[in-house]
Amino acid sequence: MDEVMAIFVSRINWWVYILLMMIGLYGITIKQNFMKKVIGLSILQTSVILFFVSIGAKKNATIPIIEHAHDAGYSTAEAGHFINPLPHVLMLTAIVVAVATLGVALALVIKIYRQYNTLEEDEILQQLGEDK
């Protein structure tokens, strides 16, 4: 039992990210209001970005820049002393995609509201059914 608790406490940030993912997924799938769906999408994207950034973190490590002396040639370095920058760089790209997705989603929500005067999915479907 103590081992399970130790594992749980040592990975508490992962559990927080999973909770955020579930909140975002709940907002996307269960809520009927389109604005709430957009907020759920944003929470889900943010939790995934936080998760990947935390995976790339390493204690007592430094950035992967090796300083070379002019006379000494190339110095040897162990890979274990450096942080892998790839997850962080990929998450920068994911942040840009998330902002673009949020902008397009908000523009669509505005367009839907102007056309139907509501953001509730069932009311919009009812209006679409009356048009036929």
C-alpha atoms as a PDB file:
ATOM      1  CA  MET A   1       0.000   0.000   0.000  1.00  0.00           C
ATOM      2  CA  ASP A   2       2.843   2.370   0.809  1.00  0.00           C
ATOM      3  CA  GLU A   3       4.443   1.685  -2.572  1.00  0.00           C
ATOM      4  CA  VAL A   4       1.229   2.551  -4.398  1.00  0.00           C
ATOM      5  CA  MET A   5       0.894   5.790  -2.432  1.00  0.00           C
ATOM      6  CA  ALA A   6       4.539   6.655  -3.133  1.00  0.00           C
ATOM      7  CA  ILE A   7       3.991   6.142  -6.866  1.00  0.00           C
ATOM      8  CA  PHE A   8       0.805   8.210  -6.737  1.00  0.00           C
ATOM      9  CA  VAL A   9       2.475  11.090  -4.899  1.00  0.00           C
ATOM     10  CA  SER A  10       5.584  11.029  -7.079  1.00  0.00           C
ATOM     11  CA  ARG A  11       3.427  11.441 -10.201  1.00  0.00           C
ATOM     12  CA  ILE A  12       0.834  13.844  -8.794  1.00  0.00           C
ATOM     13  CA  ASN A  13       1.331  16.250 -11.696  1.00  0.00           C
ATOM     14  CA  TRP A  14       0.332  13.485 -14.132  1.00  0.00           C
ATOM     15  CA  TRP A  15      -2.883  12.905 -12.191  1.00  0.00           C
ATOM     16  CA  VAL A  16      -3.658  16.622 -12.359  1.00  0.00           C
ATOM     17  CA  TYR A  17      -3.122  16.578 -16.139  1.00  0.00           C
ATOM     18  CA  ILE A  18      -5.356  13.526 -16.497  1.00  0.00           C
ATOM     19  CA  LEU A  19      -8.041  15.274 -14.429  1.00  0.00           C
ATOM     20  CA  LEU A  20      -7.775  18.348 -16.670  1.00  0.00           C
ATOM     21  CA  MET A  21      -8.021  16.129 -19.759  1.00  0.00           C
ATOM     22  CA  MET A  22     -11.177  14.500 -18.409  1.00  0.00           C
ATOM     23  CA  ILE A  23     -12.716  17.901 -17.599  1.00  0.00           C
ATOM     24  CA  GLY A  24     -11.976  19.081 -21.149  1.00  0.00           C
ATOM     25  CA  LEU A  25     -13.296  15.883 -22.686  1.00  0.00           C
ATOM     26  CA  TYR A  26     -16.440  16.166 -20.560  1.00  0.00           C
ATOM     27  CA  GLY A  27     -16.951  19.728 -21.752  1.00  0.00           C
ATOM     28  CA  ILE A  28     -16.575  18.741 -25.385  1.00  0.00           C
ATOM     29  CA  THR A  29     -18.806  15.674 -25.345  1.00  0.00           C
ATOM     30  CA  ILE A  30     -21.510  16.316 -22.742  1.00  0.00           C
ATOM     31  CA  LYS A  31     -22.200  20.059 -22.761  1.00  0.00           C
ATOM     32  CA  GLN A  32     -24.808  21.369 -25.221  1.00  0.00           C
ATOM     33  CA  ASN A  33     -23.595  24.978 -25.353  1.00  0.00           C
ATOM     34  CA  PHE A  34     -21.064  25.630 -28.115  1.00  0.00           C
ATOM     35  CA  MET A  35     -19.116  28.160 -26.025  1.00  0.00           C
ATOM     36  CA  LYS A  36     -18.719  25.560 -23.281  1.00  0.00           C
ATOM     37  CA  LYS A  37     -17.507  23.093 -25.911  1.00  0.00           C
ATOM     38  CA  VAL A  38     -14.857  25.585 -27.039  1.00  0.00           C
ATOM     39  CA  ILE A  39     -13.743  26.094 -23.430  1.00  0.00           C
ATOM     40  CA  GLY A  40     -13.548  22.308 -22.981  1.00  0.00           C
ATOM     41  CA  LEU A  41     -11.423  22.053 -26.125  1.00  0.00           C
ATOM     42  CA  SER A  42      -9.080  24.720 -24.805  1.00  0.00           C
ATOM     43  CA  ILE A  43      -8.748  22.950 -21.431  1.00  0.00           C
ATOM     44  CA  LEU A  44      -8.028  19.644 -23.180  1.00  0.00           C
ATOM     45  CA  GLN A  45      -5.354  21.193 -25.416  1.00  0.00           C
ATOM     46  CA  THR A  46      -3.719  22.960 -22.482  1.00  0.00           C
ATOM     47  CA  SER A  47      -3.595  19.789 -20.404  1.00  0.00           C
ATOM     48  CA  VAL A  48      -1.904  17.878 -23.223  1.00  0.00           C
ATOM     49  CA  ILE A  49       0.679  20.650 -23.629  1.00  0.00           C
ATOM     50  CA  LEU A  50       1.373  20.695 -19.869  1.00  0.00           C
ATOM     51  CA  PHE A  51       1.720  16.906 -19.858  1.00  0.00           C
ATOM     52  CA  PHE A  52       4.298  16.866 -22.631  1.00  0.00           C
ATOM     53  CA  VAL A  53       6.285  19.734 -21.116  1.00  0.00           C
ATOM     54  CA  SER A  54       6.416  17.890 -17.791  1.00  0.00           C
ATOM     55  CA  ILE A  55       7.645  14.752 -19.544  1.00  0.00           C
ATOM     56  CA  GLY A  56      10.531  16.744 -21.026  1.00  0.00           C
ATOM     57  CA  ALA A  57      11.611  18.087 -17.630  1.00  0.00           C
ATOM     58  CA  LYS A  58      14.605  16.521 -15.876  1.00  0.00           C
ATOM     59  CA  LYS A  59      16.096  17.252 -12.459  1.00  0.00           C
ATOM     60  CA  ASN A  60      19.688  18.480 -12.240  1.00  0.00           C
ATOM     61  CA  ALA A  61      20.022  18.791 -16.001  1.00  0.00           C
ATOM     62  CA  THR A  62      21.065  21.665 -18.208  1.00  0.00           C
ATOM     63  CA  ILE A  63      20.392  22.898 -21.713  1.00  0.00           C
ATOM     64  CA  PRO A  64      22.145  20.949 -24.487  1.00  0.00           C
ATOM     65  CA  ILE A  65      24.725  23.567 -25.404  1.00  0.00           C
ATOM     66  CA  ILE A  66      28.339  22.462 -25.270  1.00  0.00           C
ATOM     67  CA  GLU A  67      30.939  25.159 -24.940  1.00  0.00           C
ATOM     68  CA  HIS A  68      34.131  24.411 -26.822  1.00  0.00           C
ATOM     69  CA  ALA A  69      37.517  25.785 -25.943  1.00  0.00           C
ATOM     70  CA  HIS A  70      39.560  27.205 -28.810  1.00  0.00           C
ATOM     71  CA  ASP A  71      42.652  25.109 -28.128  1.00  0.00           C
ATOM     72  CA  ALA A  72      41.174  21.996 -26.575  1.00  0.00           C
ATOM     73  CA  GLY A  73      39.073  20.844 -29.519  1.00  0.00           C
ATOM     74  CA  TYR A  74      35.754  19.154 -28.858  1.00  0.00           C
ATOM     75  CA  SER A  75      34.879  18.218 -25.314  1.00  0.00           C
ATOM     76  CA  THR A  76      32.997  15.056 -24.489  1.00  0.00           C
ATOM     77  CA  ALA A  77      29.607  15.294 -22.836  1.00  0.00           C
ATOM     78  CA  GLU A  78      27.250  12.720 -21.419  1.00  0.00           C
ATOM     79  CA  ALA A  79      23.689  12.786 -22.698  1.00  0.00           C
ATOM     80  CA  GLY A  80      22.325  12.184 -19.205  1.00  0.00           C
ATOM     81  CA  HIS A  81      23.341  15.686 -18.140  1.00  0.00           C
ATOM     82  CA  PHE A  82      21.172  17.426 -20.726  1.00  0.00           C
ATOM     83  CA  ILE A  83      17.463  18.059 -21.196  1.00  0.00           C
ATOM     84  CA  ASN A  84      15.876  16.871 -24.426  1.00  0.00           C
ATOM     85  CA  PRO A  85      14.572  20.071 -26.072  1.00  0.00           C
ATOM     86  CA  LEU A  86      12.329  18.262 -28.574  1.00  0.00           C
ATOM     87  CA  PRO A  87       9.162  18.020 -26.394  1.00  0.00           C
ATOM     88  CA  HIS A  88       9.409  21.715 -25.546  1.00  0.00           C
ATOM     89  CA  VAL A  89       9.891  22.734 -29.177  1.00  0.00           C
ATOM     90  CA  LEU A  90       6.984  20.569 -30.300  1.00  0.00           C
ATOM     91  CA  MET A  91       4.780  22.083 -27.617  1.00  0.00           C
ATOM     92  CA  LEU A  92       5.621  25.578 -28.878  1.00  0.00           C
ATOM     93  CA  THR A  93       4.167  24.469 -32.192  1.00  0.00           C
ATOM     94  CA  ALA A  94       1.179  22.944 -30.376  1.00  0.00           C
ATOM     95  CA  ILE A  95       0.553  26.260 -28.591  1.00  0.00           C
ATOM     96  CA  VAL A  96       0.420  28.055 -31.944  1.00  0.00           C
ATOM     97  CA  VAL A  97      -1.989  25.443 -33.309  1.00  0.00           C
ATOM     98  CA  ALA A  98      -4.125  25.693 -30.149  1.00  0.00           C
ATOM     99  CA  VAL A  99      -4.375  29.479 -30.450  1.00  0.00           C
ATOM    100  CA  ALA A 100      -5.299  29.207 -34.131  1.00  0.00           C
ATOM    101  CA  THR A 101      -7.898  26.525 -33.362  1.00  0.00           C
ATOM    102  CA  LEU A 102      -9.360  28.650 -30.583  1.00  0.00           C
ATOM    103  CA  GLY A 103      -9.575  31.676 -32.878  1.00  0.00           C
ATOM    104  CA  VAL A 104     -11.372  29.742 -35.610  1.00  0.00           C
ATOM    105  CA  ALA A 105     -13.707  28.101 -33.073  1.00  0.00           C
ATOM    106  CA  LEU A 106     -14.617  31.468 -31.549  1.00  0.00           C
ATOM    107  CA  ALA A 107     -15.261  32.920 -35.005  1.00  0.00           C
ATOM    108  CA  LEU A 108     -17.589  30.000 -35.762  1.00  0.00           C
ATOM    109  CA  VAL A 109     -19.378  30.469 -32.434  1.00  0.00           C
ATOM    110  CA  ILE A 110     -19.951  34.144 -33.253  1.00  0.00           C
ATOM    111  CA  LYS A 111     -21.274  33.224 -36.708  1.00  0.00           C
ATOM    112  CA  ILE A 112     -23.595  30.580 -35.233  1.00  0.00           C
ATOM    113  CA  TYR A 113     -24.921  33.022 -32.647  1.00  0.00           C
ATOM    114  CA  ARG A 114     -25.589  35.713 -35.240  1.00  0.00           C
ATOM    115  CA  GLN A 115     -27.470  33.270 -37.436  1.00  0.00           C
ATOM    116  CA  TYR A 116     -29.495  31.366 -34.820  1.00  0.00           C
ATOM    117  CA  ASN A 117     -29.522  33.783 -31.810  1.00  0.00           C
ATOM    118  CA  THR A 118     -28.522  30.923 -29.521  1.00  0.00           C
ATOM    119  CA  LEU A 119     -25.527  28.735 -28.753  1.00  0.00           C
ATOM    120  CA  GLU A 120     -27.496  25.749 -27.460  1.00  0.00           C
ATOM    121  CA  GLU A 121     -27.060  22.742 -29.723  1.00  0.00           C
ATOM    122  CA  ASP A 122     -30.561  21.331 -29.263  1.00  0.00           C
ATOM    123  CA  GLU A 123     -32.215  24.684 -30.022  1.00  0.00           C
ATOM    124  CA  ILE A 124     -30.147  25.055 -33.204  1.00  0.00           C
ATOM    125  CA  LEU A 125     -31.070  21.518 -34.300  1.00  0.00           C
ATOM    126  CA  GLN A 126     -34.714  22.314 -33.605  1.00  0.00           C
ATOM    127  CA  GLN A 127     -34.489  25.463 -35.767  1.00  0.00           C
ATOM    128  CA  LEU A 128     -32.810  23.459 -38.526  1.00  0.00           C
ATOM    129  CA  GLY A 129     -35.614  20.896 -38.328  1.00  0.00           C
ATOM    130  CA  GLU A 130     -38.263  23.600 -38.691  1.00  0.00           C
ATOM    131  CA  ASP A 131     -36.554  24.959 -41.811  1.00  0.00           C
ATOM    132  CA  LYS A 132     -37.091  21.709 -43.718  1.00  0.00           C
END
